[in-house]
C-alpha atoms as a PDB file:
ATOM      1  CA  MET A   1     -36.659   1.644  71.432  1.00  0.00           C
ATOM      2  CA  ASN A   2     -33.034   2.085  70.309  1.00  0.00           C
ATOM      3  CA  ALA A   3     -33.732   0.190  67.085  1.00  0.00           C
ATOM      4  CA  ARG A   4     -36.675   2.496  66.378  1.00  0.00           C
ATOM      5  CA  ILE A   5     -34.480   5.607  66.818  1.00  0.00           C
ATOM      6  CA  LEU A   6     -31.771   4.041  64.643  1.00  0.00           C
ATOM      7  CA  ARG A   7     -34.289   3.295  61.894  1.00  0.00           C
ATOM      8  CA  ALA A   8     -35.468   6.917  61.985  1.00  0.00           C
ATOM      9  CA  ALA A   9     -31.974   8.431  62.158  1.00  0.00           C
ATOM     10  CA  LEU A  10     -30.417   6.334  59.392  1.00  0.00           C
ATOM     11  CA  PRO A  11     -32.489   7.773  56.505  1.00  0.00           C
ATOM     12  CA  LEU A  12     -31.984  11.267  57.888  1.00  0.00           C
ATOM     13  CA  ALA A  13     -28.202  10.814  57.999  1.00  0.00           C
ATOM     14  CA  LEU A  14     -28.211   9.279  54.518  1.00  0.00           C
ATOM     15  CA  GLY A  15     -30.253  12.202  53.182  1.00  0.00           C
ATOM     16  CA  LEU A  16     -27.859  14.746  54.686  1.00  0.00           C
ATOM     17  CA  ALA A  17     -24.854  12.906  53.259  1.00  0.00           C
ATOM     18  CA  LEU A  18     -26.378  12.857  49.778  1.00  0.00           C
ATOM     19  CA  ALA A  19     -27.347  16.528  49.992  1.00  0.00           C
ATOM     20  CA  ALA A  20     -23.713  17.445  50.608  1.00  0.00           C
ATOM     21  CA  CYS A  21     -22.716  15.719  47.370  1.00  0.00           C
ATOM     22  CA  GLY A  22     -24.926  18.034  45.329  1.00  0.00           C
ATOM     23  CA  GLU A  23     -22.970  21.216  46.014  1.00  0.00           C
ATOM     24  CA  LYS A  24     -21.853  23.014  42.877  1.00  0.00           C
ATOM     25  CA  PRO A  25     -18.230  24.181  42.532  1.00  0.00           C
ATOM     26  CA  GLN A  26     -17.690  27.852  43.330  1.00  0.00           C
ATOM     27  CA  THR A  27     -15.573  29.272  40.525  1.00  0.00           C
ATOM     28  CA  LEU A  28     -15.045  32.807  39.295  1.00  0.00           C
ATOM     29  CA  GLY A  29     -16.349  32.024  35.837  1.00  0.00           C
ATOM     30  CA  GLN A  30     -14.870  32.575  32.437  1.00  0.00           C
ATOM     31  CA  GLY A  31     -12.953  35.722  31.687  1.00  0.00           C
ATOM     32  CA  SER A  32     -12.048  36.372  35.334  1.00  0.00           C
ATOM     33  CA  ARG A  33      -8.379  36.901  35.999  1.00  0.00           C
ATOM     34  CA  GLN A  34      -6.766  37.243  39.387  1.00  0.00           C
ATOM     35  CA  ASP A  35      -3.315  38.217  38.202  1.00  0.00           C
ATOM     36  CA  THR A  36      -4.181  41.721  36.999  1.00  0.00           C
ATOM     37  CA  PRO A  37      -3.775  44.798  39.188  1.00  0.00           C
ATOM     38  CA  ALA A  38      -6.884  46.573  40.431  1.00  0.00           C
ATOM     39  CA  PHE A  39      -6.257  49.692  38.354  1.00  0.00           C
ATOM     40  CA  ASP A  40      -6.419  47.642  35.128  1.00  0.00           C
ATOM     41  CA  GLY A  41     -10.144  47.042  35.595  1.00  0.00           C
ATOM     42  CA  PRO A  42     -12.606  47.130  32.721  1.00  0.00           C
ATOM     43  CA  ALA A  43     -14.185  50.306  31.448  1.00  0.00           C
ATOM     44  CA  SER A  44     -17.936  50.160  31.968  1.00  0.00           C
ATOM     45  CA  PRO A  45     -20.778  52.637  32.501  1.00  0.00           C
ATOM     46  CA  PHE A  46     -20.528  51.956  36.246  1.00  0.00           C
ATOM     47  CA  THR A  47     -16.970  53.218  36.735  1.00  0.00           C
ATOM     48  CA  ALA A  48     -16.342  56.524  38.463  1.00  0.00           C
ATOM     49  CA  ALA A  49     -16.039  59.626  36.328  1.00  0.00           C
ATOM     50  CA  GLY A  50     -12.445  60.660  35.829  1.00  0.00           C
ATOM     51  CA  TRP A  51     -10.989  57.185  36.190  1.00  0.00           C
ATOM     52  CA  LYS A  52      -9.175  55.781  33.183  1.00  0.00           C
ATOM     53  CA  PRO A  53      -8.594  51.993  33.093  1.00  0.00           C
ATOM     54  CA  GLY A  54      -4.888  51.179  33.198  1.00  0.00           C
ATOM     55  CA  ASP A  55      -3.854  54.519  34.750  1.00  0.00           C
ATOM     56  CA  ARG A  56      -2.567  53.826  38.243  1.00  0.00           C
ATOM     57  CA  THR A  57      -2.383  57.462  39.365  1.00  0.00           C
ATOM     58  CA  SER A  58      -6.005  58.212  38.409  1.00  0.00           C
ATOM     59  CA  TRP A  59      -7.079  55.003  40.189  1.00  0.00           C
ATOM     60  CA  GLU A  60      -5.226  56.014  43.362  1.00  0.00           C
ATOM     61  CA  GLN A  61      -6.764  59.488  43.185  1.00  0.00           C
ATOM     62  CA  GLN A  62     -10.270  58.013  42.881  1.00  0.00           C
ATOM     63  CA  ILE A  63      -9.659  55.724  45.870  1.00  0.00           C
ATOM     64  CA  HIS A  64      -8.349  58.651  47.927  1.00  0.00           C
ATOM     65  CA  THR A  65     -11.347  60.823  46.988  1.00  0.00           C
ATOM     66  CA  ARG A  66     -13.794  58.043  47.819  1.00  0.00           C
ATOM     67  CA  GLN A  67     -12.183  57.508  51.209  1.00  0.00           C
ATOM     68  CA  GLN A  68     -12.286  61.205  52.063  1.00  0.00           C
ATOM     69  CA  GLN A  69     -15.881  61.775  50.942  1.00  0.00           C
ATOM     70  CA  GLY A  70     -17.644  58.650  52.104  1.00  0.00           C
ATOM     71  CA  GLN A  71     -15.529  56.807  54.620  1.00  0.00           C
ATOM     72  CA  ASN A  72     -13.885  59.521  56.692  1.00  0.00           C
ATOM     73  CA  GLU A  73     -15.897  60.113  59.861  1.00  0.00           C
ATOM     74  CA  TYR A  74     -14.256  63.488  60.484  1.00  0.00           C
ATOM     75  CA  ASN A  75     -15.602  64.910  57.210  1.00  0.00           C
ATOM     76  CA  LYS A  76     -19.186  63.764  57.714  1.00  0.00           C
ATOM     77  CA  VAL A  77     -21.734  66.368  58.763  1.00  0.00           C
ATOM     78  CA  TYR A  78     -24.151  65.362  61.489  1.00  0.00           C
END
């Protein structure tokens, strides 16, 4: 009986080991940089109105406004 279980478990273990070898590397992709500050982000149609890329003060103002309008529980109306 033990030999029968071993014969059934061996292909299963081999299949799991080979499946782990097929994992693709998780990279950020080309053009992604981690050494730039957050306020130097790209200008795109999805950025908030009033924010200018590269301007730290406008970025901080946008973050402050977003926190007050959407993430502050005291300002929410129930």
